[in-house]
């Protein structure tokens, strides 16, 4: 299955491949993970704050590897924040 096919579908329990990939990168980086945990405890704008935080670091696209990046519009930041609230 090509990566383009995967991207539009649910992936590993997440709403899409992009959200899953960003969540994996965040959870595997101690600094990003700590920031996401802090933001998740704030309020209903936590998802927007997480996106803003990541856009400050990488303005145009989120890097998931050395050769691939993801458009922020494809990522469900509310789903990522909710995953921290569930833990």
Protein backbone atom coordinates (compact mmCIF):
# COMPACT_ATOMS: atom_id res chain seq x y z
CA UNK A 1 0.00 0.00 0.00
CA UNK A 2 1.45 3.37 -0.93
CA UNK A 3 1.94 6.12 1.64
CA UNK A 4 -0.55 8.33 -0.22
CA UNK A 5 -3.24 5.71 0.25
CA UNK A 6 -2.51 5.45 3.96
CA UNK A 7 -2.61 9.20 4.53
CA UNK A 8 -6.33 9.63 3.91
CA UNK A 9 -7.38 6.71 6.10
CA UNK A 10 -7.41 5.90 9.80
CA UNK A 11 -3.99 4.82 11.01
CA UNK A 12 -3.14 2.86 14.16
CA UNK A 13 -6.24 4.06 15.97
CA UNK A 14 -5.78 7.72 14.94
CA UNK A 15 -8.07 9.63 12.58
CA UNK A 16 -5.43 9.78 9.84
CA UNK A 17 -1.78 9.07 9.04
CA UNK A 18 -0.69 12.68 9.56
CA UNK A 19 -2.10 12.86 13.10
CA UNK A 20 -0.56 9.50 13.97
CA UNK A 21 2.87 10.51 12.58
CA UNK A 22 2.94 13.84 14.44
CA UNK A 23 1.86 12.13 17.67
CA UNK A 24 4.68 9.58 17.29
CA UNK A 25 7.29 12.30 16.75
CA UNK A 26 6.00 14.30 19.73
CA UNK A 27 5.89 11.30 22.05
CA UNK A 28 9.42 10.23 21.06
CA UNK A 29 10.96 13.65 21.79
CA UNK A 30 11.21 14.45 25.50
CA UNK A 31 10.95 18.21 25.06
CA UNK A 32 8.00 18.07 22.68
CA UNK A 33 6.28 15.46 24.83
CA UNK A 34 6.70 17.55 27.99
CA UNK A 35 5.31 20.62 26.24
CA UNK A 36 2.30 18.68 24.92
CA UNK A 37 1.62 17.35 28.42
CA UNK A 38 1.73 20.89 29.85
CA UNK A 39 -0.53 22.26 27.14
CA UNK A 40 -3.04 19.44 27.58
CA UNK A 41 -3.64 20.51 31.17
CA UNK A 42 -4.56 24.10 30.34
CA UNK A 43 -7.97 24.63 28.74
CA UNK A 44 -10.11 24.15 25.64
CA UNK A 45 -7.55 26.03 23.48
CA UNK A 46 -4.79 23.50 24.19
CA UNK A 47 -4.91 22.06 20.67
CA UNK A 48 -4.48 25.52 19.14
CA UNK A 49 -1.60 26.23 21.49
CA UNK A 50 0.11 22.97 20.54
CA UNK A 51 -0.20 23.81 16.86
CA UNK A 52 1.11 27.35 17.48
CA UNK A 53 4.04 25.97 19.49
CA UNK A 54 4.99 23.59 16.66
CA UNK A 55 4.54 26.30 14.00
CA UNK A 56 6.95 28.50 15.95
CA UNK A 57 9.54 25.72 15.71
CA UNK A 58 8.77 24.72 12.09
CA UNK A 59 6.75 27.48 10.36
CA UNK A 60 5.79 25.82 7.09
CA UNK A 61 5.45 22.06 7.73
CA UNK A 62 6.03 19.58 10.53
CA UNK A 63 9.08 17.36 9.90
CA UNK A 64 8.38 13.69 10.53
CA UNK A 65 11.71 12.54 9.13
CA UNK A 66 14.74 13.94 7.37
CA UNK A 67 13.00 13.60 4.03
CA UNK A 68 9.30 14.07 4.78
CA UNK A 69 7.11 16.75 6.32
CA UNK A 70 3.40 17.16 6.98
CA UNK A 71 1.06 20.06 6.36
CA UNK A 72 -0.40 21.30 9.64
CA UNK A 73 -3.89 21.45 8.12
CA UNK A 74 -3.93 17.65 7.90
CA UNK A 75 -3.20 17.10 11.62
CA UNK A 76 -5.96 16.70 14.20
CA UNK A 77 -4.37 18.54 17.14
CA UNK A 78 -7.46 18.07 19.32
CA UNK A 79 -7.04 14.32 18.99
CA UNK A 80 -3.38 14.58 20.04
CA UNK A 81 -4.23 16.73 23.07
CA UNK A 82 -7.07 14.36 24.01
CA UNK A 83 -4.60 11.47 24.01
CA UNK A 84 -2.66 13.25 26.77
CA UNK A 85 -5.82 13.85 28.76
CA UNK A 86 -6.73 10.16 28.57
CA UNK A 87 -3.37 8.99 29.98
